[in-house]
Amino acid sequence: MTKRHSKKREQILAVLQEAKTALSAGSIHDILPGVDKVTVYRNLDLFVSDGIVKVMNFGGTETLYEYQHQPHHHAVCTDCDKVIHFTAPDEKIKKLLGLTDFQVNELELIVRGICNHKQ
């Protein structure tokens, strides 16, 4: 993690760690109105460069940020925008891809479909 610690930086990270889903910078600012929006963005950039927060793009208009305490993948409902976290055997997925002349350093899987929210 970044070398400098500040109360605002710790607050932003705590919001991400406690969130059940990915959040936009605006949502984080709404939760922490005492933290300037520029400070939110600056710290999100630091967290991303440190590898403790991932930038997520599920096809919406806003960039989302997610703290990942353990690697996982996402299923996104195209009807209600619900995001479901799941794990999958990455080594098996890499093998199925058949990329023999390519070293996969990171695997990020997003599955789109419709959840059973209407049942």
PDB file of N, CA and C in Angstrom:
ATOM      1  N   MET A   1       0.844  -1.186   0.000  1.00  0.00           N
ATOM      2  CA  MET A   1       0.000   0.000   0.000  1.00  0.00           C
ATOM      3  C   MET A   1       0.883   1.241   0.000  1.00  0.00           C
ATOM      4  N   THR A   2       0.278   2.366  -0.276  1.00  0.00           N
ATOM      5  CA  THR A   2       1.029   3.608  -0.347  1.00  0.00           C
ATOM      6  C   THR A   2       1.744   3.873   0.967  1.00  0.00           C
ATOM      7  N   LYS A   3       2.861   4.566   0.861  1.00  0.00           N
ATOM      8  CA  LYS A   3       3.696   4.805   2.029  1.00  0.00           C
ATOM      9  C   LYS A   3       3.072   5.808   2.996  1.00  0.00           C
ATOM     10  N   ARG A   4       2.433   6.840   2.463  1.00  0.00           N
ATOM     11  CA  ARG A   4       1.826   7.857   3.315  1.00  0.00           C
ATOM     12  C   ARG A   4       0.420   7.438   3.712  1.00  0.00           C
ATOM     13  N   HIS A   5       0.141   7.549   4.990  1.00  0.00           N
ATOM     14  CA  HIS A   5      -1.198   7.252   5.475  1.00  0.00           C
ATOM     15  C   HIS A   5      -1.836   8.557   5.923  1.00  0.00           C
ATOM     16  N   SER A   6      -3.099   8.702   5.644  1.00  0.00           N
ATOM     17  CA  SER A   6      -3.829   9.858   6.137  1.00  0.00           C
ATOM     18  C   SER A   6      -5.209   9.379   6.550  1.00  0.00           C
ATOM     19  N   LYS A   7      -5.854  10.165   7.372  1.00  0.00           N
ATOM     20  CA  LYS A   7      -7.187   9.797   7.856  1.00  0.00           C
ATOM     21  C   LYS A   7      -8.164   9.684   6.681  1.00  0.00           C
ATOM     22  N   LYS A   8      -8.093  10.613   5.747  1.00  0.00           N
ATOM     23  CA  LYS A   8      -9.011  10.582   4.605  1.00  0.00           C
ATOM     24  C   LYS A   8      -8.748   9.361   3.733  1.00  0.00           C
ATOM     25  N   ARG A   9      -7.477   9.042   3.517  1.00  0.00           N
ATOM     26  CA  ARG A   9      -7.121   7.868   2.714  1.00  0.00           C
ATOM     27  C   ARG A   9      -7.659   6.603   3.384  1.00  0.00           C
ATOM     28  N   GLU A  10      -7.511   6.511   4.691  1.00  0.00           N
ATOM     29  CA  GLU A  10      -8.006   5.353   5.429  1.00  0.00           C
ATOM     30  C   GLU A  10      -9.534   5.273   5.375  1.00  0.00           C
ATOM     31  N   GLN A  11     -10.208   6.423   5.414  1.00  0.00           N
ATOM     32  CA  GLN A  11     -11.670   6.442   5.328  1.00  0.00           C
ATOM     33  C   GLN A  11     -12.139   5.934   3.962  1.00  0.00           C
ATOM     34  N   ILE A  12     -11.485   6.383   2.909  1.00  0.00           N
ATOM     35  CA  ILE A  12     -11.855   5.965   1.556  1.00  0.00           C
ATOM     36  C   ILE A  12     -11.655   4.467   1.401  1.00  0.00           C
ATOM     37  N   LEU A  13     -10.529   3.963   1.862  1.00  0.00           N
ATOM     38  CA  LEU A  13     -10.267   2.532   1.766  1.00  0.00           C
ATOM     39  C   LEU A  13     -11.265   1.737   2.600  1.00  0.00           C
ATOM     40  N   ALA A  14     -11.622   2.234   3.776  1.00  0.00           N
ATOM     41  CA  ALA A  14     -12.600   1.546   4.630  1.00  0.00           C
ATOM     42  C   ALA A  14     -13.961   1.454   3.932  1.00  0.00           C
ATOM     43  N   VAL A  15     -14.373   2.512   3.251  1.00  0.00           N
ATOM     44  CA  VAL A  15     -15.646   2.484   2.513  1.00  0.00           C
ATOM     45  C   VAL A  15     -15.601   1.389   1.457  1.00  0.00           C
ATOM     46  N   LEU A  16     -14.504   1.307   0.723  1.00  0.00           N
ATOM     47  CA  LEU A  16     -14.371   0.277  -0.318  1.00  0.00           C
ATOM     48  C   LEU A  16     -14.338  -1.125   0.284  1.00  0.00           C
ATOM     49  N   GLN A  17     -13.659  -1.281   1.395  1.00  0.00           N
ATOM     50  CA  GLN A  17     -13.553  -2.595   2.033  1.00  0.00           C
ATOM     51  C   GLN A  17     -14.894  -3.073   2.575  1.00  0.00           C
ATOM     52  N   GLU A  18     -15.718  -2.161   3.033  1.00  0.00           N
ATOM     53  CA  GLU A  18     -17.006  -2.527   3.618  1.00  0.00           C
ATOM     54  C   GLU A  18     -18.121  -2.652   2.584  1.00  0.00           C
ATOM     55  N   ALA A  19     -17.899  -2.136   1.392  1.00  0.00           N
ATOM     56  CA  ALA A  19     -18.930  -2.164   0.352  1.00  0.00           C
ATOM     57  C   ALA A  19     -19.163  -3.585  -0.133  1.00  0.00           C
ATOM     58  N   LYS A  20     -20.402  -3.895  -0.440  1.00  0.00           N
ATOM     59  CA  LYS A  20     -20.757  -5.209  -0.968  1.00  0.00           C
ATOM     60  C   LYS A  20     -20.640  -5.249  -2.495  1.00  0.00           C
ATOM     61  N   THR A  21     -20.346  -4.107  -3.085  1.00  0.00           N
ATOM     62  CA  THR A  21     -20.268  -4.001  -4.539  1.00  0.00           C
ATOM     63  C   THR A  21     -19.250  -2.930  -4.917  1.00  0.00           C
ATOM     64  N   ALA A  22     -18.979  -2.806  -6.194  1.00  0.00           N
ATOM     65  CA  ALA A  22     -18.082  -1.757  -6.681  1.00  0.00           C
ATOM     66  C   ALA A  22     -18.788  -0.408  -6.558  1.00  0.00           C
ATOM     67  N   LEU A  23     -18.017   0.625  -6.282  1.00  0.00           N
ATOM     68  CA  LEU A  23     -18.569   1.962  -6.078  1.00  0.00           C
ATOM     69  C   LEU A  23     -17.922   2.963  -7.026  1.00  0.00           C
ATOM     70  N   SER A  24     -18.680   3.971  -7.387  1.00  0.00           N
ATOM     71  CA  SER A  24     -18.122   5.074  -8.174  1.00  0.00           C
ATOM     72  C   SER A  24     -17.473   6.071  -7.219  1.00  0.00           C
ATOM     73  N   ALA A  25     -16.638   6.931  -7.767  1.00  0.00           N
ATOM     74  CA  ALA A  25     -16.022   7.982  -6.951  1.00  0.00           C
ATOM     75  C   ALA A  25     -17.107   8.879  -6.361  1.00  0.00           C
ATOM     76  N   GLY A  26     -18.152   9.134  -7.134  1.00  0.00           N
ATOM     77  CA  GLY A  26     -19.263   9.956  -6.647  1.00  0.00           C
ATOM     78  C   GLY A  26     -19.979   9.313  -5.472  1.00  0.00           C
ATOM     79  N   SER A  27     -20.163   8.000  -5.531  1.00  0.00           N
ATOM     80  CA  SER A  27     -20.806   7.289  -4.417  1.00  0.00           C
ATOM     81  C   SER A  27     -19.950   7.356  -3.165  1.00  0.00           C
ATOM     82  N   ILE A  28     -18.640   7.216  -3.339  1.00  0.00           N
ATOM     83  CA  ILE A  28     -17.728   7.310  -2.196  1.00  0.00           C
ATOM     84  C   ILE A  28     -17.793   8.714  -1.594  1.00  0.00           C
ATOM     85  N   HIS A  29     -17.821   9.709  -2.461  1.00  0.00           N
ATOM     86  CA  HIS A  29     -17.927  11.096  -1.993  1.00  0.00           C
ATOM     87  C   HIS A  29     -19.244  11.322  -1.253  1.00  0.00           C
ATOM     88  N   ASP A  30     -20.337  10.726  -1.731  1.00  0.00           N
ATOM     89  CA  ASP A  30     -21.632  10.849  -1.048  1.00  0.00           C
ATOM     90  C   ASP A  30     -21.581  10.238   0.354  1.00  0.00           C
ATOM     91  N   ILE A  31     -20.857   9.127   0.492  1.00  0.00           N
ATOM     92  CA  ILE A  31     -20.716   8.459   1.790  1.00  0.00           C
ATOM     93  C   ILE A  31     -19.805   9.267   2.714  1.00  0.00           C
ATOM     94  N   LEU A  32     -18.805   9.923   2.116  1.00  0.00           N
ATOM     95  CA  LEU A  32     -17.832  10.721   2.874  1.00  0.00           C
ATOM     96  C   LEU A  32     -17.877  12.178   2.397  1.00  0.00           C
ATOM     97  N   PRO A  33     -18.964  12.905   2.688  1.00  0.00           N
ATOM     98  CA  PRO A  33     -19.081  14.268   2.151  1.00  0.00           C
ATOM     99  C   PRO A  33     -17.996  15.217   2.645  1.00  0.00           C
ATOM    100  N   GLY A  34     -17.329  14.884   3.739  1.00  0.00           N
ATOM    101  CA  GLY A  34     -16.258  15.732   4.258  1.00  0.00           C
ATOM    102  C   GLY A  34     -14.941  15.552   3.519  1.00  0.00           C
ATOM    103  N   VAL A  35     -14.908  14.607   2.585  1.00  0.00           N
ATOM    104  CA  VAL A  35     -13.693  14.366   1.799  1.00  0.00           C
ATOM    105  C   VAL A  35     -13.921  14.944   0.407  1.00  0.00           C
ATOM    106  N   ASP A  36     -13.055  15.866   0.021  1.00  0.00           N
ATOM    107  CA  ASP A  36     -13.148  16.517  -1.286  1.00  0.00           C
ATOM    108  C   ASP A  36     -13.119  15.480  -2.408  1.00  0.00           C
ATOM    109  N   LYS A  37     -13.898  15.701  -3.457  1.00  0.00           N
ATOM    110  CA  LYS A  37     -13.979  14.751  -4.571  1.00  0.00           C
ATOM    111  C   LYS A  37     -12.620  14.541  -5.245  1.00  0.00           C
ATOM    112  N   VAL A  38     -11.819  15.584  -5.348  1.00  0.00           N
ATOM    113  CA  VAL A  38     -10.480  15.466  -5.929  1.00  0.00           C
ATOM    114  C   VAL A  38      -9.626  14.525  -5.079  1.00  0.00           C
ATOM    115  N   THR A  39      -9.767  14.616  -3.773  1.00  0.00           N
ATOM    116  CA  THR A  39      -9.042  13.731  -2.864  1.00  0.00           C
ATOM    117  C   THR A  39      -9.482  12.291  -3.053  1.00  0.00           C
ATOM    118  N   VAL A  40     -10.786  12.082  -3.252  1.00  0.00           N
ATOM    119  CA  VAL A  40     -11.294  10.730  -3.511  1.00  0.00           C
ATOM    120  C   VAL A  40     -10.627  10.180  -4.770  1.00  0.00           C
ATOM    121  N   TYR A  41     -10.665  10.928  -5.861  1.00  0.00           N
ATOM    122  CA  TYR A  41     -10.075  10.469  -7.125  1.00  0.00           C
ATOM    123  C   TYR A  41      -8.569  10.216  -6.982  1.00  0.00           C
ATOM    124  N   ARG A  42      -7.868  11.132  -6.337  1.00  0.00           N
ATOM    125  CA  ARG A  42      -6.423  10.993  -6.181  1.00  0.00           C
ATOM    126  C   ARG A  42      -6.083   9.709  -5.410  1.00  0.00           C
ATOM    127  N   ASN A  43      -6.828   9.435  -4.358  1.00  0.00           N
ATOM    128  CA  ASN A  43      -6.569   8.235  -3.565  1.00  0.00           C
ATOM    129  C   ASN A  43      -6.991   6.967  -4.289  1.00  0.00           C
ATOM    130  N   LEU A  44      -8.067   7.025  -5.046  1.00  0.00           N
ATOM    131  CA  LEU A  44      -8.456   5.865  -5.844  1.00  0.00           C
ATOM    132  C   LEU A  44      -7.351   5.516  -6.837  1.00  0.00           C
ATOM    133  N   ASP A  45      -6.772   6.538  -7.462  1.00  0.00           N
ATOM    134  CA  ASP A  45      -5.658   6.300  -8.390  1.00  0.00           C
ATOM    135  C   ASP A  45      -4.481   5.633  -7.676  1.00  0.00           C
ATOM    136  N   LEU A  46      -4.188   6.074  -6.468  1.00  0.00           N
ATOM    137  CA  LEU A  46      -3.101   5.471  -5.691  1.00  0.00           C
ATOM    138  C   LEU A  46      -3.410   4.013  -5.357  1.00  0.00           C
ATOM    139  N   PHE A  47      -4.647   3.747  -4.932  1.00  0.00           N
ATOM    140  CA  PHE A  47      -5.030   2.377  -4.586  1.00  0.00           C
ATOM    141  C   PHE A  47      -4.950   1.462  -5.800  1.00  0.00           C
ATOM    142  N   VAL A  48      -5.365   1.974  -6.952  1.00  0.00           N
ATOM    143  CA  VAL A  48      -5.301   1.176  -8.182  1.00  0.00           C
ATOM    144  C   VAL A  48      -3.843   0.900  -8.546  1.00  0.00           C
ATOM    145  N   SER A  49      -2.994   1.916  -8.483  1.00  0.00           N
ATOM    146  CA  SER A  49      -1.583   1.705  -8.838  1.00  0.00           C
ATOM    147  C   SER A  49      -0.892   0.775  -7.843  1.00  0.00           C
ATOM    148  N   ASP A  50      -1.356   0.757  -6.598  1.00  0.00           N
ATOM    149  CA  ASP A  50      -0.807  -0.151  -5.589  1.00  0.00           C
ATOM    150  C   ASP A  50      -1.374  -1.566  -5.724  1.00  0.00           C
ATOM    151  N   GLY A  51      -2.412  -1.728  -6.546  1.00  0.00           N
ATOM    152  CA  GLY A  51      -2.986  -3.047  -6.771  1.00  0.00           C
ATOM    153  C   GLY A  51      -3.954  -3.524  -5.708  1.00  0.00           C
ATOM    154  N   ILE A  52      -4.412  -2.629  -4.828  1.00  0.00           N
ATOM    155  CA  ILE A  52      -5.354  -3.064  -3.798  1.00  0.00           C
ATOM    156  C   ILE A  52      -6.804  -2.768  -4.166  1.00  0.00           C
ATOM    157  N   VAL A  53      -7.000  -1.963  -5.201  1.00  0.00           N
ATOM    158  CA  VAL A  53      -8.334  -1.654  -5.704  1.00  0.00           C
ATOM    159  C   VAL A  53      -8.311  -1.873  -7.212  1.00  0.00           C
ATOM    160  N   LYS A  54      -9.383  -2.446  -7.718  1.00  0.00           N
ATOM    161  CA  LYS A  54      -9.485  -2.690  -9.161  1.00  0.00           C
ATOM    162  C   LYS A  54     -10.503  -1.749  -9.774  1.00  0.00           C
ATOM    163  N   VAL A  55     -10.212  -1.311 -10.982  1.00  0.00           N
ATOM    164  CA  VAL A  55     -11.161  -0.521 -11.758  1.00  0.00           C
ATOM    165  C   VAL A  55     -12.081  -1.502 -12.460  1.00  0.00           C
ATOM    166  N   MET A  56     -13.367  -1.296 -12.311  1.00  0.00           N
ATOM    167  CA  MET A  56     -14.349  -2.185 -12.914  1.00  0.00           C
ATOM    168  C   MET A  56     -15.178  -1.395 -13.924  1.00  0.00           C
ATOM    169  N   ASN A  57     -15.467  -2.025 -15.040  1.00  0.00           N
ATOM    170  CA  ASN A  57     -16.345  -1.410 -16.032  1.00  0.00           C
ATOM    171  C   ASN A  57     -17.350  -2.464 -16.454  1.00  0.00           C
ATOM    172  N   PHE A  58     -18.567  -2.308 -15.988  1.00  0.00           N
ATOM    173  CA  PHE A  58     -19.618  -3.265 -16.302  1.00  0.00           C
ATOM    174  C   PHE A  58     -20.524  -2.768 -17.419  1.00  0.00           C
ATOM    175  N   GLY A  59     -20.081  -1.765 -18.163  1.00  0.00           N
ATOM    176  CA  GLY A  59     -20.853  -1.261 -19.283  1.00  0.00           C
ATOM    177  C   GLY A  59     -21.674  -0.031 -18.957  1.00  0.00           C
ATOM    178  N   GLY A  60     -21.603   0.448 -17.733  1.00  0.00           N
ATOM    179  CA  GLY A  60     -22.341   1.654 -17.359  1.00  0.00           C
ATOM    180  C   GLY A  60     -21.571   2.900 -17.741  1.00  0.00           C
ATOM    181  N   THR A  61     -22.070   4.030 -17.311  1.00  0.00           N
ATOM    182  CA  THR A  61     -21.443   5.293 -17.676  1.00  0.00           C
ATOM    183  C   THR A  61     -20.336   5.704 -16.708  1.00  0.00           C
ATOM    184  N   GLU A  62     -20.354   5.162 -15.481  1.00  0.00           N
ATOM    185  CA  GLU A  62     -19.366   5.549 -14.487  1.00  0.00           C
ATOM    186  C   GLU A  62     -18.311   4.469 -14.292  1.00  0.00           C
ATOM    187  N   THR A  63     -17.102   4.910 -14.021  1.00  0.00           N
ATOM    188  CA  THR A  63     -16.047   3.992 -13.629  1.00  0.00           C
ATOM    189  C   THR A  63     -16.326   3.569 -12.196  1.00  0.00           C
ATOM    190  N   LEU A  64     -16.191   2.276 -11.932  1.00  0.00           N
ATOM    191  CA  LEU A  64     -16.426   1.747 -10.595  1.00  0.00           C
ATOM    192  C   LEU A  64     -15.120   1.214 -10.026  1.00  0.00           C
ATOM    193  N   TYR A  65     -15.022   1.243  -8.710  1.00  0.00           N
ATOM    194  CA  TYR A  65     -13.824   0.800  -8.011  1.00  0.00           C
ATOM    195  C   TYR A  65     -14.217  -0.262  -6.996  1.00  0.00           C
ATOM    196  N   GLU A  66     -13.387  -1.302  -6.913  1.00  0.00           N
ATOM    197  CA  GLU A  66     -13.709  -2.398  -6.008  1.00  0.00           C
ATOM    198  C   GLU A  66     -12.467  -2.868  -5.278  1.00  0.00           C
ATOM    199  N   TYR A  67     -12.587  -2.979  -3.968  1.00  0.00           N
ATOM    200  CA  TYR A  67     -11.537  -3.581  -3.160  1.00  0.00           C
ATOM    201  C   TYR A  67     -11.694  -5.087  -3.292  1.00  0.00           C
ATOM    202  N   GLN A  68     -10.622  -5.768  -3.649  1.00  0.00           N
ATOM    203  CA  GLN A  68     -10.698  -7.215  -3.818  1.00  0.00           C
ATOM    204  C   GLN A  68      -9.781  -7.879  -2.800  1.00  0.00           C
ATOM    205  N   HIS A  69     -10.386  -8.349  -1.713  1.00  0.00           N
ATOM    206  CA  HIS A  69      -9.603  -9.045  -0.695  1.00  0.00           C
ATOM    207  C   HIS A  69      -9.139 -10.393  -1.201  1.00  0.00           C
ATOM    208  N   GLN A  70      -9.847 -10.948  -2.173  1.00  0.00           N
ATOM    209  CA  GLN A  70      -9.395 -12.156  -2.871  1.00  0.00           C
ATOM    210  C   GLN A  70      -9.884 -12.071  -4.308  1.00  0.00           C
ATOM    211  N   PRO A  71      -9.114 -12.593  -5.254  1.00  0.00           N
ATOM    212  CA  PRO A  71      -9.517 -12.506  -6.660  1.00  0.00           C
ATOM    213  C   PRO A  71     -10.856 -13.217  -6.896  1.00  0.00           C
ATOM    214  N   HIS A  72     -11.679 -12.595  -7.718  1.00  0.00           N
ATOM    215  CA  HIS A  72     -12.954 -13.194  -8.082  1.00  0.00           C
ATOM    216  C   HIS A  72     -13.411 -12.618  -9.416  1.00  0.00           C
ATOM    217  N   HIS A  73     -14.480 -13.178  -9.943  1.00  0.00           N
ATOM    218  CA  HIS A  73     -15.032 -12.758 -11.218  1.00  0.00           C
ATOM    219  C   HIS A  73     -16.431 -12.196 -10.983  1.00  0.00           C
ATOM    220  N   HIS A  74     -17.069 -11.743 -12.057  1.00  0.00           N
ATOM    221  CA  HIS A  74     -18.363 -11.081 -11.925  1.00  0.00           C
ATOM    222  C   HIS A  74     -19.369 -11.586 -12.955  1.00  0.00           C
ATOM    223  N   ALA A  75     -20.608 -11.721 -12.509  1.00  0.00           N
ATOM    224  CA  ALA A  75     -21.738 -11.970 -13.394  1.00  0.00           C
ATOM    225  C   ALA A  75     -22.635 -10.738 -13.280  1.00  0.00           C
ATOM    226  N   VAL A  76     -22.980 -10.143 -14.418  1.00  0.00           N
ATOM    227  CA  VAL A  76     -23.748  -8.901 -14.432  1.00  0.00           C
ATOM    228  C   VAL A  76     -25.088  -9.154 -15.097  1.00  0.00           C
ATOM    229  N   CYS A  77     -26.168  -8.808 -14.389  1.00  0.00           N
ATOM    230  CA  CYS A  77     -27.509  -8.933 -14.961  1.00  0.00           C
ATOM    231  C   CYS A  77     -27.754  -7.742 -15.885  1.00  0.00           C
ATOM    232  N   THR A  78     -28.059  -8.026 -17.134  1.00  0.00           N
ATOM    233  CA  THR A  78     -28.290  -6.960 -18.118  1.00  0.00           C
ATOM    234  C   THR A  78     -29.681  -6.351 -17.973  1.00  0.00           C
ATOM    235  N   ASP A  79     -30.500  -6.932 -17.101  1.00  0.00           N
ATOM    236  CA  ASP A  79     -31.850  -6.425 -16.882  1.00  0.00           C
ATOM    237  C   ASP A  79     -31.909  -5.474 -15.684  1.00  0.00           C
ATOM    238  N   CYS A  80     -31.308  -5.888 -14.553  1.00  0.00           N
ATOM    239  CA  CYS A  80     -31.402  -5.072 -13.330  1.00  0.00           C
ATOM    240  C   CYS A  80     -30.056  -4.536 -12.857  1.00  0.00           C
ATOM    241  N   ASP A  81     -28.966  -4.835 -13.568  1.00  0.00           N
ATOM    242  CA  ASP A  81     -27.611  -4.372 -13.230  1.00  0.00           C
ATOM    243  C   ASP A  81     -27.030  -4.990 -11.958  1.00  0.00           C
ATOM    244  N   LYS A  82     -27.658  -6.032 -11.433  1.00  0.00           N
ATOM    245  CA  LYS A  82     -27.109  -6.722 -10.268  1.00  0.00           C
ATOM    246  C   LYS A  82     -25.764  -7.333 -10.649  1.00  0.00           C
ATOM    247  N   VAL A  83     -24.801  -7.261  -9.729  1.00  0.00           N
ATOM    248  CA  VAL A  83     -23.485  -7.845  -9.947  1.00  0.00           C
ATOM    249  C   VAL A  83     -23.298  -8.953  -8.916  1.00  0.00           C
ATOM    250  N   ILE A  84     -22.979 -10.134  -9.401  1.00  0.00           N
ATOM    251  CA  ILE A  84     -22.756 -11.294  -8.540  1.00  0.00           C
ATOM    252  C   ILE A  84     -21.283 -11.650  -8.606  1.00  0.00           C
ATOM    253  N   HIS A  85     -20.662 -11.809  -7.452  1.00  0.00           N
ATOM    254  CA  HIS A  85     -19.256 -12.219  -7.382  1.00  0.00           C
ATOM    255  C   HIS A  85     -19.187 -13.734  -7.345  1.00  0.00           C
ATOM    256  N   PHE A  86     -18.226 -14.299  -8.083  1.00  0.00           N
ATOM    257  CA  PHE A  86     -18.029 -15.741  -8.037  1.00  0.00           C
ATOM    258  C   PHE A  86     -16.562 -16.060  -8.289  1.00  0.00           C
ATOM    259  N   THR A  87     -16.161 -17.231  -7.845  1.00  0.00           N
ATOM    260  CA  THR A  87     -14.806 -17.690  -8.114  1.00  0.00           C
ATOM    261  C   THR A  87     -14.890 -18.843  -9.108  1.00  0.00           C
ATOM    262  N   ALA A  88     -13.829 -19.016  -9.839  1.00  0.00           N
ATOM    263  CA  ALA A  88     -13.740 -20.091 -10.828  1.00  0.00           C
ATOM    264  C   ALA A  88     -12.284 -20.533 -10.886  1.00  0.00           C
ATOM    265  N   PRO A  89     -12.050 -21.765 -11.285  1.00  0.00           N
ATOM    266  CA  PRO A  89     -10.658 -22.256 -11.357  1.00  0.00           C
ATOM    267  C   PRO A  89      -9.901 -21.585 -12.503  1.00  0.00           C
ATOM    268  N   ASP A  90      -9.142 -20.547 -12.171  1.00  0.00           N
ATOM    269  CA  ASP A  90      -8.444 -19.762 -13.183  1.00  0.00           C
ATOM    270  C   ASP A  90      -7.523 -20.608 -14.061  1.00  0.00           C
ATOM    271  N   GLU A  91      -6.858 -21.576 -13.485  1.00  0.00           N
ATOM    272  CA  GLU A  91      -5.938 -22.404 -14.276  1.00  0.00           C
ATOM    273  C   GLU A  91      -6.699 -23.185 -15.357  1.00  0.00           C
ATOM    274  N   LYS A  92      -7.884 -23.668 -15.022  1.00  0.00           N
ATOM    275  CA  LYS A  92      -8.696 -24.386 -16.018  1.00  0.00           C
ATOM    276  C   LYS A  92      -9.167 -23.433 -17.115  1.00  0.00           C
ATOM    277  N   ILE A  93      -9.537 -22.220 -16.721  1.00  0.00           N
ATOM    278  CA  ILE A  93      -9.975 -21.226 -17.705  1.00  0.00           C
ATOM    279  C   ILE A  93      -8.821 -20.884 -18.646  1.00  0.00           C
ATOM    280  N   LYS A  94      -7.647 -20.673 -18.087  1.00  0.00           N
ATOM    281  CA  LYS A  94      -6.469 -20.366 -18.914  1.00  0.00           C
ATOM    282  C   LYS A  94      -6.205 -21.487 -19.913  1.00  0.00           C
ATOM    283  N   LYS A  95      -6.349 -22.719 -19.460  1.00  0.00           N
ATOM    284  CA  LYS A  95      -6.123 -23.862 -20.348  1.00  0.00           C
ATOM    285  C   LYS A  95      -7.182 -23.896 -21.458  1.00  0.00           C
ATOM    286  N   LEU A  96      -8.445 -23.619 -21.101  1.00  0.00           N
ATOM    287  CA  LEU A  96      -9.520 -23.603 -22.093  1.00  0.00           C
ATOM    288  C   LEU A  96      -9.319 -22.511 -23.151  1.00  0.00           C
ATOM    289  N   LEU A  97      -8.681 -21.423 -22.769  1.00  0.00           N
ATOM    290  CA  LEU A  97      -8.443 -20.336 -23.720  1.00  0.00           C
ATOM    291  C   LEU A  97      -7.509 -20.764 -24.848  1.00  0.00           C
ATOM    292  N   GLY A  98      -6.627 -21.704 -24.571  1.00  0.00           N
ATOM    293  CA  GLY A  98      -5.734 -22.220 -25.593  1.00  0.00           C
ATOM    294  C   GLY A  98      -4.715 -21.224 -26.102  1.00  0.00           C
ATOM    295  N   LEU A  99      -4.322 -20.289 -25.286  1.00  0.00           N
ATOM    296  CA  LEU A  99      -3.339 -19.277 -25.683  1.00  0.00           C
ATOM    297  C   LEU A  99      -1.937 -19.800 -25.387  1.00  0.00           C
ATOM    298  N   THR A 100      -1.430 -20.629 -26.267  1.00  0.00           N
ATOM    299  CA  THR A 100      -0.145 -21.288 -26.021  1.00  0.00           C
ATOM    300  C   THR A 100       1.044 -20.341 -26.119  1.00  0.00           C
ATOM    301  N   ASP A 101       0.951 -19.303 -26.916  1.00  0.00           N
ATOM    302  CA  ASP A 101       2.057 -18.356 -27.080  1.00  0.00           C
ATOM    303  C   ASP A 101       1.794 -17.048 -26.348  1.00  0.00           C
ATOM    304  N   PHE A 102       1.114 -17.160 -25.214  1.00  0.00           N
ATOM    305  CA  PHE A 102       0.719 -15.963 -24.475  1.00  0.00           C
ATOM    306  C   PHE A 102       0.728 -16.278 -22.986  1.00  0.00           C
ATOM    307  N   GLN A 103       1.451 -15.477 -22.215  1.00  0.00           N
ATOM    308  CA  GLN A 103       1.471 -15.654 -20.761  1.00  0.00           C
ATOM    309  C   GLN A 103       0.376 -14.802 -20.136  1.00  0.00           C
ATOM    310  N   VAL A 104      -0.593 -15.440 -19.522  1.00  0.00           N
ATOM    311  CA  VAL A 104      -1.689 -14.725 -18.864  1.00  0.00           C
ATOM    312  C   VAL A 104      -1.221 -14.320 -17.470  1.00  0.00           C
ATOM    313  N   ASN A 105      -1.170 -13.013 -17.210  1.00  0.00           N
ATOM    314  CA  ASN A 105      -0.760 -12.508 -15.902  1.00  0.00           C
ATOM    315  C   ASN A 105      -1.952 -12.262 -14.992  1.00  0.00           C
ATOM    316  N   GLU A 106      -3.077 -11.963 -15.598  1.00  0.00           N
ATOM    317  CA  GLU A 106      -4.283 -11.669 -14.827  1.00  0.00           C
ATOM    318  C   GLU A 106      -5.483 -12.109 -15.639  1.00  0.00           C
ATOM    319  N   LEU A 107      -6.438 -12.687 -14.959  1.00  0.00           N
ATOM    320  CA  LEU A 107      -7.656 -13.152 -15.616  1.00  0.00           C
ATOM    321  C   LEU A 107      -8.837 -12.445 -14.988  1.00  0.00           C
ATOM    322  N   GLU A 108      -9.602 -11.736 -15.804  1.00  0.00           N
ATOM    323  CA  GLU A 108     -10.763 -11.005 -15.327  1.00  0.00           C
ATOM    324  C   GLU A 108     -11.951 -11.420 -16.177  1.00  0.00           C
ATOM    325  N   LEU A 109     -12.875 -12.145 -15.575  1.00  0.00           N
ATOM    326  CA  LEU A 109     -14.005 -12.700 -16.298  1.00  0.00           C
ATOM    327  C   LEU A 109     -15.277 -11.963 -15.917  1.00  0.00           C
ATOM    328  N   ILE A 110     -15.995 -11.452 -16.913  1.00  0.00           N
ATOM    329  CA  ILE A 110     -17.301 -10.826 -16.696  1.00  0.00           C
ATOM    330  C   ILE A 110     -18.307 -11.582 -17.549  1.00  0.00           C
ATOM    331  N   VAL A 111     -19.301 -12.153 -16.887  1.00  0.00           N
ATOM    332  CA  VAL A 111     -20.357 -12.903 -17.558  1.00  0.00           C
ATOM    333  C   VAL A 111     -21.612 -12.043 -17.531  1.00  0.00           C
ATOM    334  N   ARG A 112     -22.243 -11.875 -18.677  1.00  0.00           N
ATOM    335  CA  ARG A 112     -23.468 -11.067 -18.749  1.00  0.00           C
ATOM    336  C   ARG A 112     -24.655 -11.976 -19.054  1.00  0.00           C
ATOM    337  N   GLY A 113     -25.759 -11.700 -18.420  1.00  0.00           N
ATOM    338  CA  GLY A 113     -26.979 -12.474 -18.615  1.00  0.00           C
ATOM    339  C   GLY A 113     -28.084 -11.876 -17.772  1.00  0.00           C
ATOM    340  N   ILE A 114     -29.073 -12.694 -17.470  1.00  0.00           N
ATOM    341  CA  ILE A 114     -30.213 -12.213 -16.674  1.00  0.00           C
ATOM    342  C   ILE A 114     -30.330 -13.068 -15.418  1.00  0.00           C
ATOM    343  N   CYS A 115     -30.355 -12.401 -14.264  1.00  0.00           N
ATOM    344  CA  CYS A 115     -30.474 -13.130 -12.998  1.00  0.00           C
ATOM    345  C   CYS A 115     -31.935 -13.509 -12.757  1.00  0.00           C
ATOM    346  N   ASN A 116     -32.186 -14.224 -11.693  1.00  0.00           N
ATOM    347  CA  ASN A 116     -33.540 -14.680 -11.416  1.00  0.00           C
ATOM    348  C   ASN A 116     -34.303 -13.717 -10.502  1.00  0.00           C
ATOM    349  N   HIS A 117     -34.046 -12.432 -10.612  1.00  0.00           N
ATOM    350  CA  HIS A 117     -34.662 -11.444  -9.732  1.00  0.00           C
ATOM    351  C   HIS A 117     -36.179 -11.332  -9.897  1.00  0.00           C
ATOM    352  N   LYS A 118     -36.703 -11.789 -11.012  1.00  0.00           N
ATOM    353  CA  LYS A 118     -38.149 -11.686 -11.250  1.00  0.00           C
ATOM    354  C   LYS A 118     -38.900 -12.954 -10.828  1.00  0.00           C
ATOM    355  N   GLN A 119     -38.168 -13.951 -10.374  1.00  0.00           N
ATOM    356  CA  GLN A 119     -38.825 -15.212  -9.990  1.00  0.00           C
ATOM    357  C   GLN A 119     -39.245 -15.199  -8.557  1.00  0.00           C
TER     358      GLN A 119
END
